[in-house]
Amino acid sequence: MQVIHPPDDKDGEPTLGWGRCDDCFGDGKLLVDEKEAAEKIECGQTPTRTPAAG
């Protein structure tokens, strides 16, 4: 994912770079159960995929 890196010195400009997601560790996807998913949605995260109706 892209992240904003702080400036190297006091008067420098922040830079845009790449970082690893703390949740998926760079895998690009995070599988969670329904309870965890509900908590993440309540905190404002939007899933890119929802469970299929079963």
PDB file of N, CA and C in Angstrom:
ATOM      1  N   MET A   1       0.827  -1.161   0.000  1.00  0.00           N
ATOM      2  CA  MET A   1       0.000   0.000   0.000  1.00  0.00           C
ATOM      3  C   MET A   1       0.879   1.233   0.000  1.00  0.00           C
ATOM      4  N   GLN A   2       0.341   2.334  -0.455  1.00  0.00           N
ATOM      5  CA  GLN A   2       1.110   3.565  -0.453  1.00  0.00           C
ATOM      6  C   GLN A   2       0.966   4.250   0.899  1.00  0.00           C
ATOM      7  N   VAL A   3       2.058   4.798   1.378  1.00  0.00           N
ATOM      8  CA  VAL A   3       2.080   5.503   2.653  1.00  0.00           C
ATOM      9  C   VAL A   3       2.836   6.812   2.505  1.00  0.00           C
ATOM     10  N   ILE A   4       2.571   7.726   3.407  1.00  0.00           N
ATOM     11  CA  ILE A   4       3.296   8.992   3.429  1.00  0.00           C
ATOM     12  C   ILE A   4       4.395   8.871   4.476  1.00  0.00           C
ATOM     13  N   HIS A   5       5.639   9.011   4.018  1.00  0.00           N
ATOM     14  CA  HIS A   5       6.795   8.955   4.917  1.00  0.00           C
ATOM     15  C   HIS A   5       7.100  10.360   5.415  1.00  0.00           C
ATOM     16  N   PRO A   6       7.398  10.497   6.705  1.00  0.00           N
ATOM     17  CA  PRO A   6       7.735  11.832   7.229  1.00  0.00           C
ATOM     18  C   PRO A   6       9.033  12.346   6.612  1.00  0.00           C
ATOM     19  N   PRO A   7       9.242  13.652   6.660  1.00  0.00           N
ATOM     20  CA  PRO A   7      10.480  14.219   6.094  1.00  0.00           C
ATOM     21  C   PRO A   7      11.707  13.745   6.858  1.00  0.00           C
ATOM     22  N   ASP A   8      12.833  13.689   6.158  1.00  0.00           N
ATOM     23  CA  ASP A   8      14.095  13.268   6.767  1.00  0.00           C
ATOM     24  C   ASP A   8      14.652  14.331   7.712  1.00  0.00           C
ATOM     25  N   ASP A   9      14.409  15.584   7.383  1.00  0.00           N
ATOM     26  CA  ASP A   9      14.907  16.654   8.252  1.00  0.00           C
ATOM     27  C   ASP A   9      13.758  17.612   8.606  1.00  0.00           C
ATOM     28  N   LYS A  10      14.041  18.550   9.458  1.00  0.00           N
ATOM     29  CA  LYS A  10      13.016  19.449   9.990  1.00  0.00           C
ATOM     30  C   LYS A  10      12.293  20.252   8.908  1.00  0.00           C
ATOM     31  N   ASP A  11      13.015  20.695   7.894  1.00  0.00           N
ATOM     32  CA  ASP A  11      12.433  21.537   6.847  1.00  0.00           C
ATOM     33  C   ASP A  11      12.082  20.759   5.585  1.00  0.00           C
ATOM     34  N   GLY A  12      12.223  19.452   5.626  1.00  0.00           N
ATOM     35  CA  GLY A  12      11.964  18.644   4.440  1.00  0.00           C
ATOM     36  C   GLY A  12      10.483  18.424   4.173  1.00  0.00           C
ATOM     37  N   GLU A  13      10.208  17.828   3.050  1.00  0.00           N
ATOM     38  CA  GLU A  13       8.841  17.526   2.635  1.00  0.00           C
ATOM     39  C   GLU A  13       8.567  16.031   2.841  1.00  0.00           C
ATOM     40  N   PRO A  14       7.346  15.681   3.210  1.00  0.00           N
ATOM     41  CA  PRO A  14       7.009  14.254   3.286  1.00  0.00           C
ATOM     42  C   PRO A  14       7.033  13.641   1.884  1.00  0.00           C
ATOM     43  N   THR A  15       7.289  12.355   1.823  1.00  0.00           N
ATOM     44  CA  THR A  15       7.352  11.675   0.523  1.00  0.00           C
ATOM     45  C   THR A  15       6.349  10.523   0.496  1.00  0.00           C
ATOM     46  N   LEU A  16       5.903  10.202  -0.688  1.00  0.00           N
ATOM     47  CA  LEU A  16       4.985   9.089  -0.898  1.00  0.00           C
ATOM     48  C   LEU A  16       5.808   7.857  -1.227  1.00  0.00           C
ATOM     49  N   GLY A  17       5.525   6.760  -0.560  1.00  0.00           N
ATOM     50  CA  GLY A  17       6.283   5.540  -0.811  1.00  0.00           C
ATOM     51  C   GLY A  17       5.424   4.316  -0.562  1.00  0.00           C
ATOM     52  N   TRP A  18       6.052   3.162  -0.534  1.00  0.00           N
ATOM     53  CA  TRP A  18       5.338   1.904  -0.343  1.00  0.00           C
ATOM     54  C   TRP A  18       5.621   1.348   1.043  1.00  0.00           C
ATOM     55  N   GLY A  19       4.616   0.748   1.641  1.00  0.00           N
ATOM     56  CA  GLY A  19       4.753   0.134   2.944  1.00  0.00           C
ATOM     57  C   GLY A  19       3.990  -1.176   2.989  1.00  0.00           C
ATOM     58  N   ARG A  20       4.252  -1.944   4.015  1.00  0.00           N
ATOM     59  CA  ARG A  20       3.559  -3.227   4.174  1.00  0.00           C
ATOM     60  C   ARG A  20       2.402  -3.060   5.139  1.00  0.00           C
ATOM     61  N   CYS A  21       1.307  -3.660   4.816  1.00  0.00           N
ATOM     62  CA  CYS A  21       0.123  -3.615   5.662  1.00  0.00           C
ATOM     63  C   CYS A  21       0.371  -4.431   6.937  1.00  0.00           C
ATOM     64  N   ASP A  22       0.055  -3.849   8.083  1.00  0.00           N
ATOM     65  CA  ASP A  22       0.234  -4.550   9.350  1.00  0.00           C
ATOM     66  C   ASP A  22      -0.769  -5.695   9.528  1.00  0.00           C
ATOM     67  N   ASP A  23      -1.879  -5.639   8.791  1.00  0.00           N
ATOM     68  CA  ASP A  23      -2.891  -6.686   8.912  1.00  0.00           C
ATOM     69  C   ASP A  23      -2.585  -7.897   8.041  1.00  0.00           C
ATOM     70  N   CYS A  24      -2.217  -7.666   6.788  1.00  0.00           N
ATOM     71  CA  CYS A  24      -2.008  -8.805   5.872  1.00  0.00           C
ATOM     72  C   CYS A  24      -0.538  -9.092   5.601  1.00  0.00           C
ATOM     73  N   PHE A  25       0.367  -8.240   6.094  1.00  0.00           N
ATOM     74  CA  PHE A  25       1.818  -8.418   5.935  1.00  0.00           C
ATOM     75  C   PHE A  25       2.243  -8.548   4.469  1.00  0.00           C
ATOM     76  N   GLY A  26       1.592  -7.761   3.616  1.00  0.00           N
ATOM     77  CA  GLY A  26       1.968  -7.726   2.210  1.00  0.00           C
ATOM     78  C   GLY A  26       1.307  -8.782   1.347  1.00  0.00           C
ATOM     79  N   ASP A  27       0.472  -9.621   1.937  1.00  0.00           N
ATOM     80  CA  ASP A  27      -0.188 -10.676   1.171  1.00  0.00           C
ATOM     81  C   ASP A  27      -1.270 -10.117   0.255  1.00  0.00           C
ATOM     82  N   GLY A  28      -1.855  -8.980   0.632  1.00  0.00           N
ATOM     83  CA  GLY A  28      -2.874  -8.364  -0.207  1.00  0.00           C
ATOM     84  C   GLY A  28      -4.293  -8.776   0.130  1.00  0.00           C
ATOM     85  N   LYS A  29      -4.454  -9.690   1.066  1.00  0.00           N
ATOM     86  CA  LYS A  29      -5.800 -10.073   1.486  1.00  0.00           C
ATOM     87  C   LYS A  29      -5.771 -10.505   2.940  1.00  0.00           C
ATOM     88  N   LEU A  30      -6.890 -10.320   3.584  1.00  0.00           N
ATOM     89  CA  LEU A  30      -7.008 -10.649   4.997  1.00  0.00           C
ATOM     90  C   LEU A  30      -8.307 -11.408   5.195  1.00  0.00           C
ATOM     91  N   LEU A  31      -8.217 -12.631   5.645  1.00  0.00           N
ATOM     92  CA  LEU A  31      -9.400 -13.442   5.885  1.00  0.00           C
ATOM     93  C   LEU A  31      -9.753 -13.354   7.359  1.00  0.00           C
ATOM     94  N   VAL A  32     -10.994 -12.998   7.642  1.00  0.00           N
ATOM     95  CA  VAL A  32     -11.460 -12.878   9.018  1.00  0.00           C
ATOM     96  C   VAL A  32     -12.806 -13.579   9.153  1.00  0.00           C
ATOM     97  N   ASP A  33     -13.162 -13.916  10.401  1.00  0.00           N
ATOM     98  CA  ASP A  33     -14.482 -14.511  10.604  1.00  0.00           C
ATOM     99  C   ASP A  33     -15.530 -13.391  10.632  1.00  0.00           C
ATOM    100  N   GLU A  34     -16.800 -13.768  10.739  1.00  0.00           N
ATOM    101  CA  GLU A  34     -17.875 -12.780  10.654  1.00  0.00           C
ATOM    102  C   GLU A  34     -17.811 -11.754  11.782  1.00  0.00           C
ATOM    103  N   LYS A  35     -17.437 -12.173  12.990  1.00  0.00           N
ATOM    104  CA  LYS A  35     -17.369 -11.249  14.117  1.00  0.00           C
ATOM    105  C   LYS A  35     -16.286 -10.201  13.894  1.00  0.00           C
ATOM    106  N   GLU A  36     -15.104 -10.650  13.455  1.00  0.00           N
ATOM    107  CA  GLU A  36     -14.014  -9.707  13.171  1.00  0.00           C
ATOM    108  C   GLU A  36     -14.395  -8.759  12.039  1.00  0.00           C
ATOM    109  N   ALA A  37     -15.061  -9.307  11.017  1.00  0.00           N
ATOM    110  CA  ALA A  37     -15.483  -8.477   9.884  1.00  0.00           C
ATOM    111  C   ALA A  37     -16.451  -7.389  10.347  1.00  0.00           C
ATOM    112  N   ALA A  38     -17.405  -7.753  11.213  1.00  0.00           N
ATOM    113  CA  ALA A  38     -18.371  -6.777  11.721  1.00  0.00           C
ATOM    114  C   ALA A  38     -17.666  -5.679  12.505  1.00  0.00           C
ATOM    115  N   GLU A  39     -16.668  -6.048  13.305  1.00  0.00           N
ATOM    116  CA  GLU A  39     -15.911  -5.051  14.071  1.00  0.00           C
ATOM    117  C   GLU A  39     -15.157  -4.110  13.141  1.00  0.00           C
ATOM    118  N   LYS A  40     -14.547  -4.651  12.104  1.00  0.00           N
ATOM    119  CA  LYS A  40     -13.796  -3.819  11.166  1.00  0.00           C
ATOM    120  C   LYS A  40     -14.730  -2.862  10.429  1.00  0.00           C
ATOM    121  N   ILE A  41     -15.914  -3.343  10.046  1.00  0.00           N
ATOM    122  CA  ILE A  41     -16.880  -2.491   9.353  1.00  0.00           C
ATOM    123  C   ILE A  41     -17.358  -1.384  10.279  1.00  0.00           C
ATOM    124  N   GLU A  42     -17.602  -1.700  11.560  1.00  0.00           N
ATOM    125  CA  GLU A  42     -18.013  -0.683  12.530  1.00  0.00           C
ATOM    126  C   GLU A  42     -16.949   0.394  12.705  1.00  0.00           C
ATOM    127  N   CYS A  43     -15.680   0.023  12.546  1.00  0.00           N
ATOM    128  CA  CYS A  43     -14.576   0.980  12.690  1.00  0.00           C
ATOM    129  C   CYS A  43     -14.328   1.769  11.412  1.00  0.00           C
ATOM    130  N   GLY A  44     -15.135   1.535  10.375  1.00  0.00           N
ATOM    131  CA  GLY A  44     -15.021   2.327   9.154  1.00  0.00           C
ATOM    132  C   GLY A  44     -14.312   1.652   7.992  1.00  0.00           C
ATOM    133  N   GLN A  45     -13.822   0.441   8.168  1.00  0.00           N
ATOM    134  CA  GLN A  45     -13.187  -0.254   7.049  1.00  0.00           C
ATOM    135  C   GLN A  45     -14.266  -0.814   6.127  1.00  0.00           C
ATOM    136  N   THR A  46     -14.012  -0.777   4.843  1.00  0.00           N
ATOM    137  CA  THR A  46     -14.964  -1.281   3.866  1.00  0.00           C
ATOM    138  C   THR A  46     -14.387  -2.526   3.211  1.00  0.00           C
ATOM    139  N   PRO A  47     -15.089  -3.654   3.305  1.00  0.00           N
ATOM    140  CA  PRO A  47     -14.574  -4.865   2.662  1.00  0.00           C
ATOM    141  C   PRO A  47     -14.663  -4.755   1.145  1.00  0.00           C
ATOM    142  N   THR A  48     -13.691  -5.334   0.464  1.00  0.00           N
ATOM    143  CA  THR A  48     -13.749  -5.361  -0.996  1.00  0.00           C
ATOM    144  C   THR A  48     -14.573  -6.537  -1.488  1.00  0.00           C
ATOM    145  N   ARG A  49     -14.833  -7.452  -0.570  1.00  0.00           N
ATOM    146  CA  ARG A  49     -15.637  -8.617  -0.915  1.00  0.00           C
ATOM    147  C   ARG A  49     -16.409  -9.034   0.327  1.00  0.00           C
ATOM    148  N   THR A  50     -17.652  -9.396   0.158  1.00  0.00           N
ATOM    149  CA  THR A  50     -18.477  -9.815   1.268  1.00  0.00           C
ATOM    150  C   THR A  50     -18.791 -11.292   1.145  1.00  0.00           C
ATOM    151  N   PRO A  51     -19.176 -11.930   2.239  1.00  0.00           N
ATOM    152  CA  PRO A  51     -19.483 -13.364   2.173  1.00  0.00           C
ATOM    153  C   PRO A  51     -20.649 -13.639   1.234  1.00  0.00           C
ATOM    154  N   ALA A  52     -20.600 -14.782   0.592  1.00  0.00           N
ATOM    155  CA  ALA A  52     -21.691 -15.201  -0.293  1.00  0.00           C
ATOM    156  C   ALA A  52     -22.868 -15.657   0.548  1.00  0.00           C
ATOM    157  N   ALA A  53     -24.063 -15.411   0.065  1.00  0.00           N
ATOM    158  CA  ALA A  53     -25.262 -15.884   0.765  1.00  0.00           C
ATOM    159  C   ALA A  53     -25.286 -17.398   0.720  1.00  0.00           C
ATOM    160  N   GLY A  54     -25.629 -18.008   1.840  1.00  0.00           N
ATOM    161  CA  GLY A  54     -25.555 -19.446   1.848  1.00  0.00           C
ATOM    162  C   GLY A  54     -26.685 -20.120   2.405  1.00  0.00           C
TER     163      GLY A  54
END
